[in-house]
Amino acid sequence: GEIACFETRDTAHGRTEVRRASILPLAKLKDLPV
């Protein structure tokens, strides 16, 4: 669902790029292979 993220926005040469970074720690991850 909704989790904290960090967003950056770059605009150059007529192009805009938005990036959103987010993290899930091991404690919140389920059914992971080793």
PDB file of all heavy atoms in Angstrom:
ATOM      1  N   GLY A   1       0.824  -1.207   0.000  1.00  0.00           N
ATOM      2  CA  GLY A   1       0.000   0.000   0.000  1.00  0.00           C
ATOM      3  C   GLY A   1       0.854   1.251   0.000  1.00  0.00           C
ATOM      4  O   GLY A   1       1.917   1.305  -0.616  1.00  0.00           O
ATOM      5  N   GLU A   2       0.398   2.270   0.720  1.00  0.00           N
ATOM      6  CA  GLU A   2       1.123   3.534   0.794  1.00  0.00           C
ATOM      7  C   GLU A   2       2.339   3.395   1.707  1.00  0.00           C
ATOM      8  O   GLU A   2       2.212   3.024   2.874  1.00  0.00           O
ATOM      9  CB  GLU A   2       0.209   4.636   1.328  1.00  0.00           C
ATOM     10  CG  GLU A   2      -0.913   5.022   0.372  1.00  0.00           C
ATOM     11  CD  GLU A   2      -0.398   5.705  -0.890  1.00  0.00           C
ATOM     12  OE1 GLU A   2       0.638   6.402  -0.800  1.00  0.00           O
ATOM     13  OE2 GLU A   2      -1.014   5.525  -1.944  1.00  0.00           O
ATOM     14  N   ILE A   3       3.517   3.661   1.182  1.00  0.00           N
ATOM     15  CA  ILE A   3       4.742   3.644   1.983  1.00  0.00           C
ATOM     16  C   ILE A   3       5.530   4.917   1.703  1.00  0.00           C
ATOM     17  O   ILE A   3       5.350   5.562   0.676  1.00  0.00           O
ATOM     18  CB  ILE A   3       5.619   2.398   1.695  1.00  0.00           C
ATOM     19  CG1 ILE A   3       5.957   2.315   0.199  1.00  0.00           C
ATOM     20  CG2 ILE A   3       4.933   1.128   2.150  1.00  0.00           C
ATOM     21  CD1 ILE A   3       6.875   1.156  -0.138  1.00  0.00           C
ATOM     22  N   ALA A   4       6.402   5.262   2.635  1.00  0.00           N
ATOM     23  CA  ALA A   4       7.192   6.490   2.501  1.00  0.00           C
ATOM     24  C   ALA A   4       8.086   6.395   1.270  1.00  0.00           C
ATOM     25  O   ALA A   4       8.636   5.330   0.958  1.00  0.00           O
ATOM     26  CB  ALA A   4       8.031   6.703   3.747  1.00  0.00           C
ATOM     27  N   CYS A   5       8.230   7.502   0.576  1.00  0.00           N
ATOM     28  CA  CYS A   5       9.102   7.520  -0.588  1.00  0.00           C
ATOM     29  C   CYS A   5       9.813   8.863  -0.674  1.00  0.00           C
ATOM     30  O   CYS A   5       9.407   9.842  -0.045  1.00  0.00           O
ATOM     31  CB  CYS A   5       8.327   7.238  -1.876  1.00  0.00           C
ATOM     32  SG  CYS A   5       7.187   8.539  -2.352  1.00  0.00           S
ATOM     33  N   PHE A   6      10.884   8.870  -1.463  1.00  0.00           N
ATOM     34  CA  PHE A   6      11.636  10.094  -1.731  1.00  0.00           C
ATOM     35  C   PHE A   6      11.549  10.350  -3.220  1.00  0.00           C
ATOM     36  O   PHE A   6      11.820   9.462  -4.034  1.00  0.00           O
ATOM     37  CB  PHE A   6      13.095   9.946  -1.298  1.00  0.00           C
ATOM     38  CG  PHE A   6      13.951  11.122  -1.662  1.00  0.00           C
ATOM     39  CD1 PHE A   6      13.859  12.309  -0.969  1.00  0.00           C
ATOM     40  CD2 PHE A   6      14.840  11.039  -2.733  1.00  0.00           C
ATOM     41  CE1 PHE A   6      14.640  13.409  -1.321  1.00  0.00           C
ATOM     42  CE2 PHE A   6      15.635  12.122  -3.089  1.00  0.00           C
ATOM     43  CZ  PHE A   6      15.522  13.309  -2.379  1.00  0.00           C
ATOM     44  N   GLU A   7      11.168  11.558  -3.596  1.00  0.00           N
ATOM     45  CA  GLU A   7      10.917  11.867  -5.002  1.00  0.00           C
ATOM     46  C   GLU A   7      11.888  12.912  -5.526  1.00  0.00           C
ATOM     47  O   GLU A   7      12.180  13.900  -4.849  1.00  0.00           O
ATOM     48  CB  GLU A   7       9.477  12.360  -5.176  1.00  0.00           C
ATOM     49  CG  GLU A   7       9.106  12.672  -6.623  1.00  0.00           C
ATOM     50  CD  GLU A   7       7.647  13.068  -6.768  1.00  0.00           C
ATOM     51  OE1 GLU A   7       6.785  12.210  -6.468  1.00  0.00           O
ATOM     52  OE2 GLU A   7       7.364  14.222  -7.165  1.00  0.00           O
ATOM     53  N   THR A   8      12.376  12.688  -6.722  1.00  0.00           N
ATOM     54  CA  THR A   8      13.202  13.684  -7.413  1.00  0.00           C
ATOM     55  C   THR A   8      12.551  13.989  -8.755  1.00  0.00           C
ATOM     56  O   THR A   8      11.849  13.154  -9.337  1.00  0.00           O
ATOM     57  CB  THR A   8      14.636  13.181  -7.645  1.00  0.00           C
ATOM     58  OG1 THR A   8      14.605  12.008  -8.476  1.00  0.00           O
ATOM     59  CG2 THR A   8      15.313  12.846  -6.332  1.00  0.00           C
ATOM     60  N   ARG A   9      12.807  15.192  -9.266  1.00  0.00           N
ATOM     61  CA  ARG A   9      12.257  15.598 -10.556  1.00  0.00           C
ATOM     62  C   ARG A   9      13.347  16.335 -11.337  1.00  0.00           C
ATOM     63  O   ARG A   9      13.931  17.295 -10.838  1.00  0.00           O
ATOM     64  CB  ARG A   9      11.050  16.506 -10.352  1.00  0.00           C
ATOM     65  CG  ARG A   9      10.376  16.977 -11.652  1.00  0.00           C
ATOM     66  CD  ARG A   9       9.215  17.913 -11.334  1.00  0.00           C
ATOM     67  NE  ARG A   9       8.181  17.222 -10.601  1.00  0.00           N
ATOM     68  CZ  ARG A   9       7.126  16.624 -11.159  1.00  0.00           C
ATOM     69  NH1 ARG A   9       6.979  16.665 -12.471  1.00  0.00           N
ATOM     70  NH2 ARG A   9       6.224  16.007 -10.422  1.00  0.00           N
ATOM     71  N   ASP A  10      13.600  15.883 -12.541  1.00  0.00           N
ATOM     72  CA  ASP A  10      14.590  16.505 -13.416  1.00  0.00           C
ATOM     73  C   ASP A  10      13.927  16.896 -14.727  1.00  0.00           C
ATOM     74  O   ASP A  10      13.177  16.108 -15.313  1.00  0.00           O
ATOM     75  CB  ASP A  10      15.758  15.554 -13.704  1.00  0.00           C
ATOM     76  CG  ASP A  10      16.543  15.209 -12.457  1.00  0.00           C
ATOM     77  OD1 ASP A  10      16.892  16.140 -11.722  1.00  0.00           O
ATOM     78  OD2 ASP A  10      16.787  14.008 -12.212  1.00  0.00           O
ATOM     79  N   THR A  11      14.243  18.108 -15.185  1.00  0.00           N
ATOM     80  CA  THR A  11      13.719  18.578 -16.460  1.00  0.00           C
ATOM     81  C   THR A  11      14.865  19.124 -17.296  1.00  0.00           C
ATOM     82  O   THR A  11      15.617  19.984 -16.839  1.00  0.00           O
ATOM     83  CB  THR A  11      12.664  19.682 -16.257  1.00  0.00           C
ATOM     84  OG1 THR A  11      11.590  19.165 -15.467  1.00  0.00           O
ATOM     85  CG2 THR A  11      12.110  20.146 -17.587  1.00  0.00           C
ATOM     86  N   ALA A  12      15.012  18.592 -18.503  1.00  0.00           N
ATOM     87  CA  ALA A  12      16.077  19.059 -19.399  1.00  0.00           C
ATOM     88  C   ALA A  12      15.762  18.618 -20.812  1.00  0.00           C
ATOM     89  O   ALA A  12      15.234  17.517 -21.038  1.00  0.00           O
ATOM     90  CB  ALA A  12      17.440  18.506 -18.965  1.00  0.00           C
ATOM     91  N   HIS A  13      16.079  19.484 -21.775  1.00  0.00           N
ATOM     92  CA  HIS A  13      15.937  19.172 -23.202  1.00  0.00           C
ATOM     93  C   HIS A  13      14.519  18.701 -23.535  1.00  0.00           C
ATOM     94  O   HIS A  13      14.329  17.761 -24.322  1.00  0.00           O
ATOM     95  CB  HIS A  13      16.951  18.108 -23.621  1.00  0.00           C
ATOM     96  CG  HIS A  13      18.361  18.442 -23.231  1.00  0.00           C
ATOM     97  ND1 HIS A  13      19.036  19.519 -23.776  1.00  0.00           N
ATOM     98  CD2 HIS A  13      19.202  17.859 -22.338  1.00  0.00           C
ATOM     99  CE1 HIS A  13      20.256  19.566 -23.233  1.00  0.00           C
ATOM    100  NE2 HIS A  13      20.372  18.585 -22.358  1.00  0.00           N
ATOM    101  N   GLY A  14      13.524  19.335 -22.928  1.00  0.00           N
ATOM    102  CA  GLY A  14      12.138  18.990 -23.228  1.00  0.00           C
ATOM    103  C   GLY A  14      11.657  17.693 -22.610  1.00  0.00           C
ATOM    104  O   GLY A  14      10.581  17.199 -22.936  1.00  0.00           O
ATOM    105  N   ARG A  15      12.452  17.143 -21.704  1.00  0.00           N
ATOM    106  CA  ARG A  15      12.080  15.881 -21.078  1.00  0.00           C
ATOM    107  C   ARG A  15      11.999  16.057 -19.572  1.00  0.00           C
ATOM    108  O   ARG A  15      12.847  16.711 -18.962  1.00  0.00           O
ATOM    109  CB  ARG A  15      13.117  14.795 -21.401  1.00  0.00           C
ATOM    110  CG  ARG A  15      12.784  13.434 -20.804  1.00  0.00           C
ATOM    111  CD  ARG A  15      13.883  12.429 -21.110  1.00  0.00           C
ATOM    112  NE  ARG A  15      15.124  12.761 -20.426  1.00  0.00           N
ATOM    113  CZ  ARG A  15      16.271  12.113 -20.590  1.00  0.00           C
ATOM    114  NH1 ARG A  15      16.340  11.125 -21.466  1.00  0.00           N
ATOM    115  NH2 ARG A  15      17.355  12.475 -19.936  1.00  0.00           N
ATOM    116  N   THR A  16      10.984  15.482 -18.974  1.00  0.00           N
ATOM    117  CA  THR A  16      10.833  15.509 -17.518  1.00  0.00           C
ATOM    118  C   THR A  16      10.865  14.078 -16.991  1.00  0.00           C
ATOM    119  O   THR A  16      10.198  13.194 -17.537  1.00  0.00           O
ATOM    120  CB  THR A  16       9.507  16.176 -17.111  1.00  0.00           C
ATOM    121  OG1 THR A  16       9.497  17.524 -17.568  1.00  0.00           O
ATOM    122  CG2 THR A  16       9.334  16.155 -15.592  1.00  0.00           C
ATOM    123  N   GLU A  17      11.655  13.868 -15.944  1.00  0.00           N
ATOM    124  CA  GLU A  17      11.729  12.542 -15.337  1.00  0.00           C
ATOM    125  C   GLU A  17      11.507  12.661 -13.838  1.00  0.00           C
ATOM    126  O   GLU A  17      12.191  13.419 -13.151  1.00  0.00           O
ATOM    127  CB  GLU A  17      13.073  11.876 -15.621  1.00  0.00           C
ATOM    128  CG  GLU A  17      13.172  10.472 -15.047  1.00  0.00           C
ATOM    129  CD  GLU A  17      14.328   9.678 -15.605  1.00  0.00           C
ATOM    130  OE1 GLU A  17      15.044  10.206 -16.479  1.00  0.00           O
ATOM    131  OE2 GLU A  17      14.520   8.527 -15.171  1.00  0.00           O
ATOM    132  N   VAL A  18      10.540  11.907 -13.357  1.00  0.00           N
ATOM    133  CA  VAL A  18      10.241  11.854 -11.930  1.00  0.00           C
ATOM    134  C   VAL A  18      10.620  10.461 -11.421  1.00  0.00           C
ATOM    135  O   VAL A  18      10.229   9.445 -12.018  1.00  0.00           O
ATOM    136  CB  VAL A  18       8.745  12.111 -11.660  1.00  0.00           C
ATOM    137  CG1 VAL A  18       8.434  12.001 -10.164  1.00  0.00           C
ATOM    138  CG2 VAL A  18       8.333  13.487 -12.187  1.00  0.00           C
ATOM    139  N   ARG A  19      11.393  10.426 -10.357  1.00  0.00           N
ATOM    140  CA  ARG A  19      11.784   9.148  -9.761  1.00  0.00           C
ATOM    141  C   ARG A  19      11.319   9.098  -8.310  1.00  0.00           C
ATOM    142  O   ARG A  19      11.486  10.062  -7.566  1.00  0.00           O
ATOM    143  CB  ARG A  19      13.304   8.954  -9.802  1.00  0.00           C
ATOM    144  CG  ARG A  19      13.916   8.925 -11.185  1.00  0.00           C
ATOM    145  CD  ARG A  19      15.405   8.620 -11.101  1.00  0.00           C
ATOM    146  NE  ARG A  19      16.075   8.788 -12.377  1.00  0.00           N
ATOM    147  CZ  ARG A  19      16.599   9.924 -12.807  1.00  0.00           C
ATOM    148  NH1 ARG A  19      16.522  11.008 -12.043  1.00  0.00           N
ATOM    149  NH2 ARG A  19      17.187   9.994 -13.973  1.00  0.00           N
ATOM    150  N   ARG A  20      10.773   7.958  -7.923  1.00  0.00           N
ATOM    151  CA  ARG A  20      10.334   7.758  -6.542  1.00  0.00           C
ATOM    152  C   ARG A  20      11.041   6.537  -5.977  1.00  0.00           C
ATOM    153  O   ARG A  20      10.954   5.440  -6.536  1.00  0.00           O
ATOM    154  CB  ARG A  20       8.818   7.566  -6.475  1.00  0.00           C
ATOM    155  CG  ARG A  20       8.014   8.775  -6.950  1.00  0.00           C
ATOM    156  CD  ARG A  20       6.523   8.566  -6.722  1.00  0.00           C
ATOM    157  NE  ARG A  20       5.763   9.693  -7.256  1.00  0.00           N
ATOM    158  CZ  ARG A  20       5.218   9.720  -8.460  1.00  0.00           C
ATOM    159  NH1 ARG A  20       5.360   8.669  -9.269  1.00  0.00           N
ATOM    160  NH2 ARG A  20       4.535  10.776  -8.871  1.00  0.00           N
ATOM    161  N   ALA A  21      11.739   6.748  -4.866  1.00  0.00           N
ATOM    162  CA  ALA A  21      12.463   5.663  -4.205  1.00  0.00           C
ATOM    163  C   ALA A  21      11.736   5.271  -2.929  1.00  0.00           C
ATOM    164  O   ALA A  21      11.311   6.136  -2.159  1.00  0.00           O
ATOM    165  CB  ALA A  21      13.889   6.108  -3.873  1.00  0.00           C
ATOM    166  N   SER A  22      11.595   3.977  -2.719  1.00  0.00           N
ATOM    167  CA  SER A  22      10.947   3.479  -1.501  1.00  0.00           C
ATOM    168  C   SER A  22      11.650   2.210  -1.041  1.00  0.00           C
ATOM    169  O   SER A  22      12.353   1.548  -1.817  1.00  0.00           O
ATOM    170  CB  SER A  22       9.452   3.227  -1.738  1.00  0.00           C
ATOM    171  OG  SER A  22       9.247   2.416  -2.880  1.00  0.00           O
ATOM    172  N   ILE A  23      11.433   1.868   0.209  1.00  0.00           N
ATOM    173  CA  ILE A  23      12.151   0.755   0.844  1.00  0.00           C
ATOM    174  C   ILE A  23      11.174  -0.118   1.624  1.00  0.00           C
ATOM    175  O   ILE A  23      10.277   0.386   2.301  1.00  0.00           O
ATOM    176  CB  ILE A  23      13.219   1.285   1.831  1.00  0.00           C
ATOM    177  CG1 ILE A  23      14.314   2.062   1.097  1.00  0.00           C
ATOM    178  CG2 ILE A  23      13.825   0.142   2.659  1.00  0.00           C
ATOM    179  CD1 ILE A  23      15.369   1.207   0.466  1.00  0.00           C
ATOM    180  N   LEU A  24      11.372  -1.437   1.554  1.00  0.00           N
ATOM    181  CA  LEU A  24      10.701  -2.359   2.465  1.00  0.00           C
ATOM    182  C   LEU A  24      11.777  -3.109   3.242  1.00  0.00           C
ATOM    183  O   LEU A  24      12.582  -3.835   2.645  1.00  0.00           O
ATOM    184  CB  LEU A  24       9.828  -3.357   1.701  1.00  0.00           C
ATOM    185  CG  LEU A  24       8.472  -2.853   1.206  1.00  0.00           C
ATOM    186  CD1 LEU A  24       7.731  -3.974   0.478  1.00  0.00           C
ATOM    187  CD2 LEU A  24       7.628  -2.319   2.350  1.00  0.00           C
ATOM    188  N   PRO A  25      11.827  -2.939   4.568  1.00  0.00           N
ATOM    189  CA  PRO A  25      12.821  -3.664   5.363  1.00  0.00           C
ATOM    190  C   PRO A  25      12.480  -5.141   5.444  1.00  0.00           C
ATOM    191  O   PRO A  25      11.339  -5.563   5.174  1.00  0.00           O
ATOM    192  CB  PRO A  25      12.725  -2.991   6.736  1.00  0.00           C
ATOM    193  CG  PRO A  25      11.341  -2.451   6.788  1.00  0.00           C
ATOM    194  CD  PRO A  25      10.981  -2.064   5.379  1.00  0.00           C
ATOM    195  N   LEU A  26      13.445  -5.938   5.839  1.00  0.00           N
ATOM    196  CA  LEU A  26      13.274  -7.389   5.897  1.00  0.00           C
ATOM    197  C   LEU A  26      12.085  -7.783   6.759  1.00  0.00           C
ATOM    198  O   LEU A  26      11.358  -8.735   6.435  1.00  0.00           O
ATOM    199  CB  LEU A  26      14.559  -8.036   6.431  1.00  0.00           C
ATOM    200  CG  LEU A  26      14.623  -9.564   6.410  1.00  0.00           C
ATOM    201  CD1 LEU A  26      14.492 -10.087   4.982  1.00  0.00           C
ATOM    202  CD2 LEU A  26      15.923 -10.055   7.042  1.00  0.00           C
ATOM    203  N   ALA A  27      11.859  -7.053   7.847  1.00  0.00           N
ATOM    204  CA  ALA A  27      10.767  -7.384   8.759  1.00  0.00           C
ATOM    205  C   ALA A  27       9.399  -7.302   8.087  1.00  0.00           C
ATOM    206  O   ALA A  27       8.436  -7.923   8.552  1.00  0.00           O
ATOM    207  CB  ALA A  27      10.805  -6.464   9.974  1.00  0.00           C
ATOM    208  N   LYS A  28       9.285  -6.536   7.014  1.00  0.00           N
ATOM    209  CA  LYS A  28       8.002  -6.371   6.328  1.00  0.00           C
ATOM    210  C   LYS A  28       7.916  -7.178   5.029  1.00  0.00           C
ATOM    211  O   LYS A  28       6.955  -7.049   4.275  1.00  0.00           O
ATOM    212  CB  LYS A  28       7.759  -4.895   6.023  1.00  0.00           C
ATOM    213  CG  LYS A  28       7.564  -4.044   7.273  1.00  0.00           C
ATOM    214  CD  LYS A  28       7.197  -2.611   6.907  1.00  0.00           C
ATOM    215  CE  LYS A  28       6.946  -1.779   8.163  1.00  0.00           C
ATOM    216  NZ  LYS A  28       6.557  -0.384   7.827  1.00  0.00           N
ATOM    217  N   LEU A  29       8.915  -8.008   4.780  1.00  0.00           N
ATOM    218  CA  LEU A  29       8.942  -8.827   3.565  1.00  0.00           C
ATOM    219  C   LEU A  29       8.542 -10.258   3.897  1.00  0.00           C
ATOM    220  O   LEU A  29       9.022 -10.833   4.883  1.00  0.00           O
ATOM    221  CB  LEU A  29      10.340  -8.803   2.947  1.00  0.00           C
ATOM    222  CG  LEU A  29      10.808  -7.444   2.411  1.00  0.00           C
ATOM    223  CD1 LEU A  29      12.297  -7.460   2.102  1.00  0.00           C
ATOM    224  CD2 LEU A  29      10.013  -7.052   1.169  1.00  0.00           C
ATOM    225  N   LYS A  30       7.685 -10.831   3.093  1.00  0.00           N
ATOM    226  CA  LYS A  30       7.185 -12.181   3.342  1.00  0.00           C
ATOM    227  C   LYS A  30       7.502 -13.096   2.161  1.00  0.00           C
ATOM    228  O   LYS A  30       7.616 -12.653   1.020  1.00  0.00           O
ATOM    229  CB  LYS A  30       5.672 -12.146   3.563  1.00  0.00           C
ATOM    230  CG  LYS A  30       5.233 -11.300   4.747  1.00  0.00           C
ATOM    231  CD  LYS A  30       3.715 -11.278   4.860  1.00  0.00           C
ATOM    232  CE  LYS A  30       3.260 -10.416   6.040  1.00  0.00           C
ATOM    233  NZ  LYS A  30       1.778 -10.353   6.129  1.00  0.00           N
ATOM    234  N   ASP A  31       7.638 -14.394   2.500  1.00  0.00           N
ATOM    235  CA  ASP A  31       7.804 -15.446   1.483  1.00  0.00           C
ATOM    236  C   ASP A  31       9.016 -15.215   0.587  1.00  0.00           C
ATOM    237  O   ASP A  31       8.967 -15.438  -0.629  1.00  0.00           O
ATOM    238  CB  ASP A  31       6.546 -15.559   0.627  1.00  0.00           C
ATOM    239  CG  ASP A  31       5.303 -15.855   1.445  1.00  0.00           C
ATOM    240  OD1 ASP A  31       5.415 -16.639   2.405  1.00  0.00           O
ATOM    241  OD2 ASP A  31       4.239 -15.295   1.131  1.00  0.00           O
ATOM    242  N   LEU A  32      10.105 -14.747   1.194  1.00  0.00           N
ATOM    243  CA  LEU A  32      11.327 -14.517   0.420  1.00  0.00           C
ATOM    244  C   LEU A  32      12.183 -15.773   0.375  1.00  0.00           C
ATOM    245  O   LEU A  32      12.325 -16.468   1.386  1.00  0.00           O
ATOM    246  CB  LEU A  32      12.164 -13.402   1.058  1.00  0.00           C
ATOM    247  CG  LEU A  32      11.675 -11.963   0.962  1.00  0.00           C
ATOM    248  CD1 LEU A  32      12.656 -11.057   1.677  1.00  0.00           C
ATOM    249  CD2 LEU A  32      11.523 -11.534  -0.478  1.00  0.00           C
ATOM    250  N   PRO A  33      12.775 -16.079  -0.771  1.00  0.00           N
ATOM    251  CA  PRO A  33      13.796 -17.123  -0.785  1.00  0.00           C
ATOM    252  C   PRO A  33      15.037 -16.619  -0.050  1.00  0.00           C
ATOM    253  O   PRO A  33      15.237 -15.413   0.105  1.00  0.00           O
ATOM    254  CB  PRO A  33      14.079 -17.325  -2.275  1.00  0.00           C
ATOM    255  CG  PRO A  33      13.702 -16.026  -2.904  1.00  0.00           C
ATOM    256  CD  PRO A  33      12.557 -15.482  -2.092  1.00  0.00           C
ATOM    257  N   VAL A  34      15.860 -17.531   0.393  1.00  0.00           N
ATOM    258  CA  VAL A  34      17.073 -17.147   1.127  1.00  0.00           C
ATOM    259  C   VAL A  34      18.040 -16.434   0.199  1.00  0.00           C
ATOM    260  O   VAL A  34      18.311 -16.901  -0.913  1.00  0.00           O
ATOM    261  CB  VAL A  34      17.743 -18.397   1.749  1.00  0.00           C
ATOM    262  CG1 VAL A  34      19.066 -18.017   2.402  1.00  0.00           C
ATOM    263  CG2 VAL A  34      16.809 -19.052   2.760  1.00  0.00           C
TER     264      VAL A  34
END
